[in-house]
N, C-alpha and C. Protein backbone atom coordinates (compact mmCIF):
# COMPACT_ATOMS: atom_id res chain seq x y z
N UNK A 1 -11.43 -12.61 51.12
CA UNK A 1 -10.99 -13.18 49.89
C UNK A 1 -9.52 -12.98 49.67
N UNK A 2 -8.89 -12.28 50.52
CA UNK A 2 -7.46 -12.11 50.42
C UNK A 2 -7.07 -10.97 49.50
N UNK A 3 -5.82 -11.02 49.14
CA UNK A 3 -5.22 -9.94 48.37
C UNK A 3 -5.86 -9.80 46.98
N UNK A 4 -6.21 -10.87 46.31
CA UNK A 4 -6.77 -10.82 44.95
C UNK A 4 -8.26 -11.13 44.98
N UNK A 5 -8.97 -10.44 45.77
CA UNK A 5 -10.40 -10.65 45.90
C UNK A 5 -11.16 -10.12 44.69
N UNK A 6 -12.48 -10.21 44.78
CA UNK A 6 -13.34 -9.83 43.66
C UNK A 6 -13.20 -8.35 43.33
N UNK A 7 -13.10 -7.49 44.31
CA UNK A 7 -12.97 -6.05 44.08
C UNK A 7 -11.69 -5.72 43.32
N UNK A 8 -10.62 -6.38 43.64
CA UNK A 8 -9.35 -6.14 42.98
C UNK A 8 -9.37 -6.66 41.54
N UNK A 9 -10.06 -7.79 41.29
CA UNK A 9 -10.17 -8.34 39.94
C UNK A 9 -10.95 -7.39 39.04
N UNK A 10 -12.02 -6.82 39.53
CA UNK A 10 -12.82 -5.87 38.76
C UNK A 10 -12.00 -4.62 38.46
N UNK A 11 -11.21 -4.19 39.42
CA UNK A 11 -10.33 -3.04 39.20
C UNK A 11 -9.32 -3.29 38.10
N UNK A 12 -8.76 -4.50 38.05
CA UNK A 12 -7.82 -4.86 36.99
C UNK A 12 -8.52 -4.86 35.64
N UNK A 13 -9.73 -5.41 35.56
CA UNK A 13 -10.48 -5.42 34.30
C UNK A 13 -10.79 -4.00 33.83
N UNK A 14 -11.19 -3.14 34.73
CA UNK A 14 -11.48 -1.75 34.37
C UNK A 14 -10.21 -1.06 33.88
N UNK A 15 -9.10 -1.31 34.55
CA UNK A 15 -7.83 -0.72 34.13
C UNK A 15 -7.40 -1.21 32.75
N UNK A 16 -7.58 -2.51 32.49
CA UNK A 16 -7.22 -3.07 31.18
C UNK A 16 -8.11 -2.49 30.09
N UNK A 17 -9.41 -2.36 30.37
CA UNK A 17 -10.33 -1.78 29.38
C UNK A 17 -9.96 -0.33 29.10
N UNK A 18 -9.61 0.42 30.12
CA UNK A 18 -9.21 1.82 29.94
C UNK A 18 -7.94 1.91 29.11
N UNK A 19 -7.01 1.00 29.32
CA UNK A 19 -5.77 0.97 28.54
C UNK A 19 -6.05 0.68 27.06
N UNK A 20 -6.92 -0.28 26.78
CA UNK A 20 -7.27 -0.61 25.40
C UNK A 20 -7.96 0.56 24.72
N UNK A 21 -8.93 1.16 25.37
CA UNK A 21 -9.66 2.29 24.79
C UNK A 21 -8.72 3.47 24.57
N UNK A 22 -7.91 3.78 25.55
CA UNK A 22 -6.97 4.90 25.43
C UNK A 22 -5.96 4.69 24.30
N UNK A 23 -5.43 3.48 24.19
CA UNK A 23 -4.47 3.17 23.12
C UNK A 23 -5.12 3.27 21.75
N UNK A 24 -6.34 2.77 21.65
CA UNK A 24 -7.07 2.84 20.37
C UNK A 24 -7.31 4.28 19.95
N UNK A 25 -7.75 5.11 20.87
CA UNK A 25 -7.99 6.51 20.56
C UNK A 25 -6.70 7.23 20.16
N UNK A 26 -5.61 6.92 20.84
CA UNK A 26 -4.32 7.51 20.49
C UNK A 26 -3.90 7.09 19.09
N UNK A 27 -4.04 5.82 18.76
CA UNK A 27 -3.69 5.33 17.42
C UNK A 27 -4.52 5.97 16.34
N UNK A 28 -5.81 6.09 16.56
CA UNK A 28 -6.70 6.72 15.58
C UNK A 28 -6.31 8.19 15.41
N UNK A 29 -6.03 8.87 16.52
CA UNK A 29 -5.64 10.27 16.44
C UNK A 29 -4.34 10.47 15.66
N UNK A 30 -3.35 9.62 15.89
CA UNK A 30 -2.08 9.72 15.15
C UNK A 30 -2.32 9.44 13.67
N UNK A 31 -3.15 8.46 13.36
CA UNK A 31 -3.45 8.14 11.96
C UNK A 31 -4.13 9.32 11.26
N UNK A 32 -5.07 9.95 11.94
CA UNK A 32 -5.77 11.09 11.35
C UNK A 32 -4.81 12.26 11.12
N UNK A 33 -3.92 12.49 12.06
CA UNK A 33 -2.98 13.62 11.96
C UNK A 33 -1.86 13.36 10.96
N UNK A 34 -1.59 12.11 10.64
CA UNK A 34 -0.49 11.78 9.73
C UNK A 34 -0.85 12.10 8.29
N UNK A 35 0.07 12.75 7.55
CA UNK A 35 -0.21 13.03 6.14
C UNK A 35 -0.30 11.76 5.29
N UNK A 36 0.26 10.65 5.77
CA UNK A 36 0.18 9.40 5.02
C UNK A 36 -0.67 8.37 5.75
N UNK A 37 -1.61 8.85 6.56
CA UNK A 37 -2.49 7.95 7.29
C UNK A 37 -3.40 7.17 6.35
N UNK A 38 -3.86 6.04 6.81
CA UNK A 38 -4.73 5.21 5.97
C UNK A 38 -6.19 5.60 6.20
N UNK A 39 -7.02 5.46 5.18
CA UNK A 39 -8.43 5.78 5.36
C UNK A 39 -9.06 4.85 6.41
N UNK A 40 -9.87 5.42 7.29
CA UNK A 40 -10.48 4.61 8.34
C UNK A 40 -11.77 3.96 7.87
N UNK A 41 -12.48 4.61 6.98
CA UNK A 41 -13.73 4.06 6.45
C UNK A 41 -13.61 3.93 4.95
N UNK A 42 -13.97 2.78 4.41
CA UNK A 42 -13.88 2.56 2.98
C UNK A 42 -15.26 2.45 2.36
N UNK A 43 -16.12 3.39 2.73
CA UNK A 43 -17.45 3.38 2.12
C UNK A 43 -17.36 3.95 0.72
N UNK A 44 -18.22 3.49 -0.16
CA UNK A 44 -18.19 3.99 -1.52
C UNK A 44 -18.97 5.28 -1.62
N UNK A 45 -18.57 6.13 -2.54
CA UNK A 45 -19.25 7.39 -2.74
C UNK A 45 -20.37 7.23 -3.76
N UNK A 46 -20.89 8.35 -4.21
CA UNK A 46 -21.98 8.33 -5.18
C UNK A 46 -21.60 7.61 -6.46
N UNK A 47 -20.33 7.78 -6.87
CA UNK A 47 -19.89 7.17 -8.12
C UNK A 47 -19.50 5.71 -7.94
N UNK A 48 -19.59 5.19 -6.72
CA UNK A 48 -19.24 3.80 -6.47
C UNK A 48 -17.75 3.55 -6.44
N UNK A 49 -16.96 4.60 -6.20
CA UNK A 49 -15.52 4.44 -6.17
C UNK A 49 -15.03 4.57 -4.74
N UNK A 50 -13.91 3.94 -4.47
CA UNK A 50 -13.32 4.05 -3.15
C UNK A 50 -12.60 5.38 -3.01
N UNK A 51 -12.46 5.89 -1.79
CA UNK A 51 -11.76 7.14 -1.61
C UNK A 51 -10.30 7.01 -2.03
N UNK A 52 -9.74 8.08 -2.54
CA UNK A 52 -8.36 8.06 -2.99
C UNK A 52 -7.41 8.31 -1.83
N UNK A 53 -6.22 7.71 -1.93
CA UNK A 53 -5.18 7.99 -0.97
C UNK A 53 -4.63 9.39 -1.25
N UNK A 54 -4.22 10.10 -0.23
CA UNK A 54 -3.62 11.41 -0.49
C UNK A 54 -2.26 11.21 -1.16
N UNK A 55 -2.09 11.84 -2.32
CA UNK A 55 -0.84 11.70 -3.06
C UNK A 55 -0.01 12.96 -2.91
N UNK A 56 1.27 12.80 -2.61
CA UNK A 56 2.15 13.97 -2.51
C UNK A 56 2.38 14.59 -3.88
N UNK A 57 2.85 15.82 -3.87
CA UNK A 57 3.16 16.52 -5.11
C UNK A 57 4.17 15.72 -5.92
N UNK A 58 3.94 15.63 -7.22
CA UNK A 58 4.83 14.88 -8.10
C UNK A 58 4.33 13.50 -8.44
N UNK A 59 3.26 13.04 -7.77
CA UNK A 59 2.69 11.73 -8.06
C UNK A 59 1.29 11.90 -8.63
N UNK A 60 0.96 11.03 -9.57
CA UNK A 60 -0.39 11.02 -10.13
C UNK A 60 -1.00 9.65 -9.91
N UNK A 61 -2.32 9.61 -9.99
CA UNK A 61 -3.05 8.36 -9.83
C UNK A 61 -3.50 7.86 -11.20
N UNK A 62 -3.44 6.54 -11.41
CA UNK A 62 -3.94 5.95 -12.65
C UNK A 62 -4.94 4.86 -12.32
N UNK A 63 -5.84 4.61 -13.25
CA UNK A 63 -6.85 3.59 -13.08
C UNK A 63 -6.51 2.34 -13.87
N UNK A 64 -7.37 1.36 -13.76
CA UNK A 64 -7.18 0.07 -14.41
C UNK A 64 -6.99 0.18 -15.92
N UNK A 65 -7.81 0.97 -16.65
CA UNK A 65 -7.63 1.03 -18.10
C UNK A 65 -6.23 1.50 -18.53
N UNK A 66 -5.70 2.46 -17.81
CA UNK A 66 -4.36 2.97 -18.14
C UNK A 66 -3.29 1.92 -17.85
N UNK A 67 -3.43 1.19 -16.74
CA UNK A 67 -2.47 0.14 -16.41
C UNK A 67 -2.55 -0.98 -17.44
N UNK A 68 -3.75 -1.34 -17.85
CA UNK A 68 -3.92 -2.36 -18.88
C UNK A 68 -3.20 -1.95 -20.16
N UNK A 69 -3.32 -0.69 -20.56
CA UNK A 69 -2.66 -0.19 -21.77
C UNK A 69 -1.14 -0.22 -21.63
N UNK A 70 -0.64 0.17 -20.48
CA UNK A 70 0.81 0.17 -20.26
C UNK A 70 1.36 -1.25 -20.33
N UNK A 71 0.66 -2.20 -19.72
CA UNK A 71 1.11 -3.59 -19.75
C UNK A 71 1.05 -4.14 -21.18
N UNK A 72 -0.04 -3.86 -21.89
CA UNK A 72 -0.21 -4.37 -23.25
C UNK A 72 0.84 -3.81 -24.21
N UNK A 73 1.18 -2.54 -24.02
CA UNK A 73 2.13 -1.87 -24.92
C UNK A 73 3.57 -1.94 -24.44
N UNK A 74 3.80 -2.41 -23.22
CA UNK A 74 5.15 -2.40 -22.66
C UNK A 74 5.68 -0.99 -22.53
N UNK A 75 4.79 -0.06 -22.20
CA UNK A 75 5.13 1.37 -22.19
C UNK A 75 5.57 1.88 -20.82
N UNK A 76 6.01 1.01 -19.96
CA UNK A 76 6.44 1.43 -18.64
C UNK A 76 6.77 0.22 -17.79
N UNK A 77 7.16 0.48 -16.56
CA UNK A 77 7.50 -0.58 -15.62
C UNK A 77 6.56 -0.52 -14.44
N UNK A 78 5.99 -1.65 -14.10
CA UNK A 78 5.16 -1.72 -12.90
C UNK A 78 6.02 -2.14 -11.73
N UNK A 79 5.81 -1.48 -10.59
CA UNK A 79 6.56 -1.74 -9.37
C UNK A 79 5.58 -2.20 -8.30
N UNK A 80 5.74 -3.44 -7.86
CA UNK A 80 4.87 -4.06 -6.86
C UNK A 80 5.45 -3.76 -5.48
N UNK A 81 4.73 -2.97 -4.67
CA UNK A 81 5.20 -2.55 -3.36
C UNK A 81 4.81 -3.52 -2.24
N UNK A 82 4.21 -4.66 -2.60
CA UNK A 82 3.76 -5.62 -1.59
C UNK A 82 4.95 -6.45 -1.08
N UNK A 83 4.70 -7.20 -0.03
CA UNK A 83 5.72 -8.05 0.55
C UNK A 83 6.14 -9.14 -0.44
N UNK A 84 7.39 -9.63 -0.35
CA UNK A 84 7.89 -10.63 -1.30
C UNK A 84 7.03 -11.89 -1.40
N UNK A 85 6.49 -12.38 -0.28
CA UNK A 85 5.68 -13.59 -0.35
C UNK A 85 4.39 -13.35 -1.13
N UNK A 86 3.80 -12.16 -1.01
CA UNK A 86 2.60 -11.83 -1.78
C UNK A 86 2.94 -11.72 -3.27
N UNK A 87 4.08 -11.10 -3.56
CA UNK A 87 4.54 -10.95 -4.94
C UNK A 87 4.74 -12.32 -5.59
N UNK A 88 5.36 -13.24 -4.87
CA UNK A 88 5.64 -14.57 -5.41
C UNK A 88 4.36 -15.36 -5.68
N UNK A 89 3.34 -15.16 -4.86
CA UNK A 89 2.06 -15.85 -5.06
C UNK A 89 1.41 -15.36 -6.35
N UNK A 90 1.55 -14.09 -6.65
CA UNK A 90 0.98 -13.54 -7.87
C UNK A 90 1.22 -12.05 -7.99
N UNK A 91 1.54 -11.60 -9.20
CA UNK A 91 1.75 -10.18 -9.47
C UNK A 91 1.38 -9.86 -10.92
N UNK A 92 1.28 -8.59 -11.22
CA UNK A 92 0.98 -8.15 -12.58
C UNK A 92 2.18 -8.51 -13.46
N UNK A 93 1.94 -9.09 -14.64
CA UNK A 93 3.04 -9.51 -15.51
C UNK A 93 4.06 -8.39 -15.78
N UNK A 94 5.33 -8.75 -15.61
CA UNK A 94 6.42 -7.82 -15.86
C UNK A 94 6.78 -6.92 -14.69
N UNK A 95 6.00 -6.97 -13.61
CA UNK A 95 6.26 -6.09 -12.46
C UNK A 95 7.50 -6.56 -11.70
N UNK A 96 8.23 -5.59 -11.16
CA UNK A 96 9.35 -5.89 -10.26
C UNK A 96 8.87 -5.70 -8.83
N UNK A 97 9.50 -6.39 -7.91
CA UNK A 97 9.11 -6.31 -6.50
C UNK A 97 10.02 -5.35 -5.76
N UNK A 98 9.42 -4.33 -5.15
CA UNK A 98 10.15 -3.36 -4.33
C UNK A 98 9.30 -3.08 -3.10
N UNK A 99 9.37 -3.99 -2.10
CA UNK A 99 8.49 -3.87 -0.94
C UNK A 99 8.79 -2.61 -0.11
N UNK A 100 7.74 -1.97 0.33
CA UNK A 100 7.86 -0.73 1.09
C UNK A 100 8.75 -0.88 2.32
N UNK A 101 8.58 -1.98 3.05
CA UNK A 101 9.29 -2.13 4.31
C UNK A 101 10.66 -2.78 4.15
N UNK A 102 11.02 -3.15 2.95
CA UNK A 102 12.35 -3.69 2.66
C UNK A 102 12.96 -2.98 1.46
N UNK A 103 12.57 -1.72 1.28
CA UNK A 103 12.98 -0.94 0.12
C UNK A 103 14.51 -0.95 -0.06
N UNK A 104 15.23 -0.64 0.99
CA UNK A 104 16.70 -0.55 0.89
C UNK A 104 17.35 -1.87 0.51
N UNK A 105 16.76 -2.99 0.91
CA UNK A 105 17.31 -4.30 0.57
C UNK A 105 17.03 -4.67 -0.88
N UNK A 106 15.87 -4.31 -1.40
CA UNK A 106 15.45 -4.72 -2.74
C UNK A 106 15.82 -3.72 -3.84
N UNK A 107 16.02 -2.46 -3.48
CA UNK A 107 16.29 -1.44 -4.48
C UNK A 107 17.50 -1.76 -5.36
N UNK A 108 18.63 -2.21 -4.80
CA UNK A 108 19.78 -2.54 -5.67
C UNK A 108 19.47 -3.61 -6.72
N UNK A 109 18.53 -4.51 -6.42
CA UNK A 109 18.17 -5.58 -7.36
C UNK A 109 17.38 -5.06 -8.56
N UNK A 110 16.66 -3.96 -8.40
CA UNK A 110 15.77 -3.49 -9.45
C UNK A 110 16.13 -2.13 -10.02
N UNK A 111 17.16 -1.49 -9.49
CA UNK A 111 17.48 -0.12 -9.88
C UNK A 111 17.76 0.01 -11.38
N UNK A 112 18.41 -0.96 -12.00
CA UNK A 112 18.70 -0.86 -13.43
C UNK A 112 17.42 -0.86 -14.25
N UNK A 113 16.47 -1.72 -13.90
CA UNK A 113 15.19 -1.74 -14.62
C UNK A 113 14.43 -0.43 -14.41
N UNK A 114 14.49 0.10 -13.21
CA UNK A 114 13.80 1.36 -12.92
C UNK A 114 14.43 2.50 -13.70
N UNK A 115 15.76 2.54 -13.74
CA UNK A 115 16.45 3.59 -14.49
C UNK A 115 16.15 3.51 -15.99
N UNK A 116 15.96 2.30 -16.51
CA UNK A 116 15.71 2.12 -17.95
C UNK A 116 14.26 2.41 -18.34
N UNK A 117 13.37 2.47 -17.36
CA UNK A 117 11.95 2.66 -17.66
C UNK A 117 11.63 4.12 -17.97
N UNK A 118 10.76 4.30 -18.95
CA UNK A 118 10.33 5.66 -19.29
C UNK A 118 9.23 6.14 -18.34
N UNK A 119 8.55 5.18 -17.73
CA UNK A 119 7.44 5.49 -16.84
C UNK A 119 7.36 4.43 -15.76
N UNK A 120 6.98 4.83 -14.55
CA UNK A 120 6.83 3.90 -13.44
C UNK A 120 5.40 3.96 -12.90
N UNK A 121 4.83 2.79 -12.67
CA UNK A 121 3.52 2.70 -12.03
C UNK A 121 3.68 1.78 -10.82
N UNK A 122 3.44 2.33 -9.64
CA UNK A 122 3.62 1.59 -8.39
C UNK A 122 2.25 1.16 -7.88
N UNK A 123 2.16 -0.09 -7.42
CA UNK A 123 0.89 -0.58 -6.89
C UNK A 123 1.16 -1.46 -5.68
N UNK A 124 0.11 -1.66 -4.89
CA UNK A 124 0.15 -2.65 -3.81
C UNK A 124 -1.16 -3.42 -3.87
N UNK A 125 -1.81 -3.65 -2.74
CA UNK A 125 -2.96 -4.55 -2.74
C UNK A 125 -4.27 -3.90 -3.17
N UNK A 126 -4.46 -2.64 -2.86
CA UNK A 126 -5.73 -1.99 -3.20
C UNK A 126 -5.80 -0.60 -2.62
N UNK A 127 -6.99 -0.02 -2.67
CA UNK A 127 -7.19 1.37 -2.27
C UNK A 127 -6.84 1.64 -0.81
N UNK A 128 -6.97 0.66 0.05
CA UNK A 128 -6.67 0.89 1.47
C UNK A 128 -5.20 0.67 1.81
N UNK A 129 -4.40 0.32 0.83
CA UNK A 129 -2.97 0.04 1.04
C UNK A 129 -2.15 1.27 0.67
N UNK A 130 -1.34 1.76 1.58
CA UNK A 130 -0.54 2.95 1.31
C UNK A 130 0.92 2.62 0.97
N UNK A 131 1.28 1.34 0.89
CA UNK A 131 2.65 0.96 0.58
C UNK A 131 3.10 1.51 -0.77
N UNK A 132 2.18 1.54 -1.74
CA UNK A 132 2.53 2.05 -3.07
C UNK A 132 2.92 3.52 -3.01
N UNK A 133 2.22 4.29 -2.19
CA UNK A 133 2.54 5.71 -2.06
C UNK A 133 3.92 5.87 -1.39
N UNK A 134 4.21 5.05 -0.38
CA UNK A 134 5.50 5.13 0.29
C UNK A 134 6.65 4.82 -0.66
N UNK A 135 6.49 3.77 -1.48
CA UNK A 135 7.54 3.41 -2.43
C UNK A 135 7.68 4.50 -3.50
N UNK A 136 6.56 5.01 -3.99
CA UNK A 136 6.61 6.08 -5.00
C UNK A 136 7.32 7.31 -4.45
N UNK A 137 7.06 7.66 -3.20
CA UNK A 137 7.74 8.80 -2.57
C UNK A 137 9.24 8.57 -2.49
N UNK A 138 9.64 7.37 -2.12
CA UNK A 138 11.07 7.05 -2.05
C UNK A 138 11.72 7.18 -3.44
N UNK A 139 11.01 6.72 -4.47
CA UNK A 139 11.53 6.83 -5.83
C UNK A 139 11.66 8.29 -6.25
N UNK A 140 10.70 9.12 -5.86
CA UNK A 140 10.81 10.56 -6.11
C UNK A 140 12.04 11.13 -5.42
N UNK A 141 12.27 10.70 -4.17
CA UNK A 141 13.44 11.17 -3.41
C UNK A 141 14.75 10.81 -4.11
N UNK A 142 14.76 9.69 -4.84
CA UNK A 142 15.95 9.26 -5.57
C UNK A 142 16.07 9.98 -6.92
N UNK A 143 15.13 10.85 -7.23
CA UNK A 143 15.22 11.64 -8.45
C UNK A 143 14.47 11.08 -9.65
N UNK A 144 13.72 10.00 -9.47
CA UNK A 144 12.95 9.46 -10.58
C UNK A 144 11.70 10.31 -10.79
N UNK A 145 11.24 10.35 -12.04
CA UNK A 145 10.04 11.13 -12.34
C UNK A 145 9.09 10.28 -13.18
N UNK A 146 7.99 10.87 -13.55
CA UNK A 146 6.91 10.18 -14.27
C UNK A 146 6.50 8.92 -13.51
N UNK A 147 6.11 9.14 -12.26
CA UNK A 147 5.69 8.05 -11.38
C UNK A 147 4.20 8.19 -11.09
N UNK A 148 3.48 7.11 -11.28
CA UNK A 148 2.05 7.08 -10.98
C UNK A 148 1.78 5.98 -9.95
N UNK A 149 0.65 6.10 -9.28
CA UNK A 149 0.21 5.11 -8.31
C UNK A 149 -1.09 4.50 -8.82
N UNK A 150 -1.12 3.18 -8.94
CA UNK A 150 -2.33 2.45 -9.32
C UNK A 150 -3.04 2.09 -8.02
N UNK A 151 -4.00 2.91 -7.63
CA UNK A 151 -4.66 2.75 -6.34
C UNK A 151 -5.50 1.48 -6.25
N UNK A 152 -6.06 1.04 -7.36
CA UNK A 152 -6.85 -0.20 -7.33
C UNK A 152 -5.97 -1.40 -7.06
N UNK A 153 -4.72 -1.31 -7.46
CA UNK A 153 -3.71 -2.31 -7.16
C UNK A 153 -4.00 -3.70 -7.67
N UNK A 154 -3.31 -4.64 -7.07
CA UNK A 154 -3.39 -6.03 -7.49
C UNK A 154 -4.83 -6.56 -7.40
N UNK A 155 -5.55 -6.12 -6.39
CA UNK A 155 -6.93 -6.59 -6.22
C UNK A 155 -7.79 -6.19 -7.42
N UNK A 156 -7.71 -4.94 -7.86
CA UNK A 156 -8.50 -4.49 -9.01
C UNK A 156 -8.07 -5.23 -10.27
N UNK A 157 -6.77 -5.49 -10.39
CA UNK A 157 -6.25 -6.20 -11.56
C UNK A 157 -6.84 -7.61 -11.66
N UNK A 158 -6.81 -8.33 -10.54
CA UNK A 158 -7.32 -9.71 -10.56
C UNK A 158 -8.83 -9.75 -10.65
N UNK A 159 -9.53 -8.81 -10.01
CA UNK A 159 -11.00 -8.78 -10.08
C UNK A 159 -11.47 -8.51 -11.51
N UNK A 160 -10.62 -7.85 -12.31
CA UNK A 160 -10.97 -7.59 -13.71
C UNK A 160 -10.66 -8.80 -14.59
N UNK A 161 -10.12 -9.85 -13.99
CA UNK A 161 -9.82 -11.07 -14.74
C UNK A 161 -8.54 -10.99 -15.55
N UNK A 162 -7.67 -10.05 -15.22
CA UNK A 162 -6.41 -9.88 -15.95
C UNK A 162 -5.42 -10.98 -15.56
N UNK A 163 -4.48 -11.31 -16.46
CA UNK A 163 -3.51 -12.37 -16.16
C UNK A 163 -2.51 -11.95 -15.08
N UNK A 164 -1.98 -12.96 -14.41
CA UNK A 164 -0.97 -12.72 -13.38
C UNK A 164 0.22 -13.66 -13.62
N UNK A 165 1.32 -13.34 -12.98
CA UNK A 165 2.50 -14.19 -12.98
C UNK A 165 2.80 -14.61 -11.55
N UNK A 166 3.47 -15.73 -11.41
CA UNK A 166 3.87 -16.21 -10.08
C UNK A 166 5.38 -16.28 -10.01
N UNK A 167 5.90 -16.32 -8.79
CA UNK A 167 7.33 -16.51 -8.57
C UNK A 167 8.13 -15.23 -8.75
N UNK A 168 9.43 -15.43 -8.66
CA UNK A 168 10.36 -14.30 -8.84
C UNK A 168 10.93 -14.38 -10.26
N UNK A 169 11.29 -13.24 -10.83
CA UNK A 169 11.85 -13.27 -12.20
C UNK A 169 13.20 -13.99 -12.24
């Protein structure tokens, strides 16, 4: 069969499968060891709630009722940590966009609103999204305080039938 016979083809397949399995195990191991790793399983507990993301010291978690009250009373600023295209499709009314992976580019655009806010609530897509925690940590590093993370995020907001806004401010 020549140089690329059946035996050599099977060897290549076995090598490729070993590479995929090894890479997957390495990725899972790094995620587990990382303090900001994402949850691997999103099964609900006895109370029917999703597992919480690990929050660093200085951050608190808030639920939907508290976010609803803040929005209704204008008692704080919501910070949307999702990508700009997701923000433009829909976001919580009054929220500013500060994407986790473009933080340095967007921060100058929103810093005045953040400085003027008495309270900050950062959110992203939902409980399995850690972008909100990353943005909240960066805000802590800049010296801001009274920062909370809305773990239910945009998904919980829309599932509750709450209003949304589209576009950029």
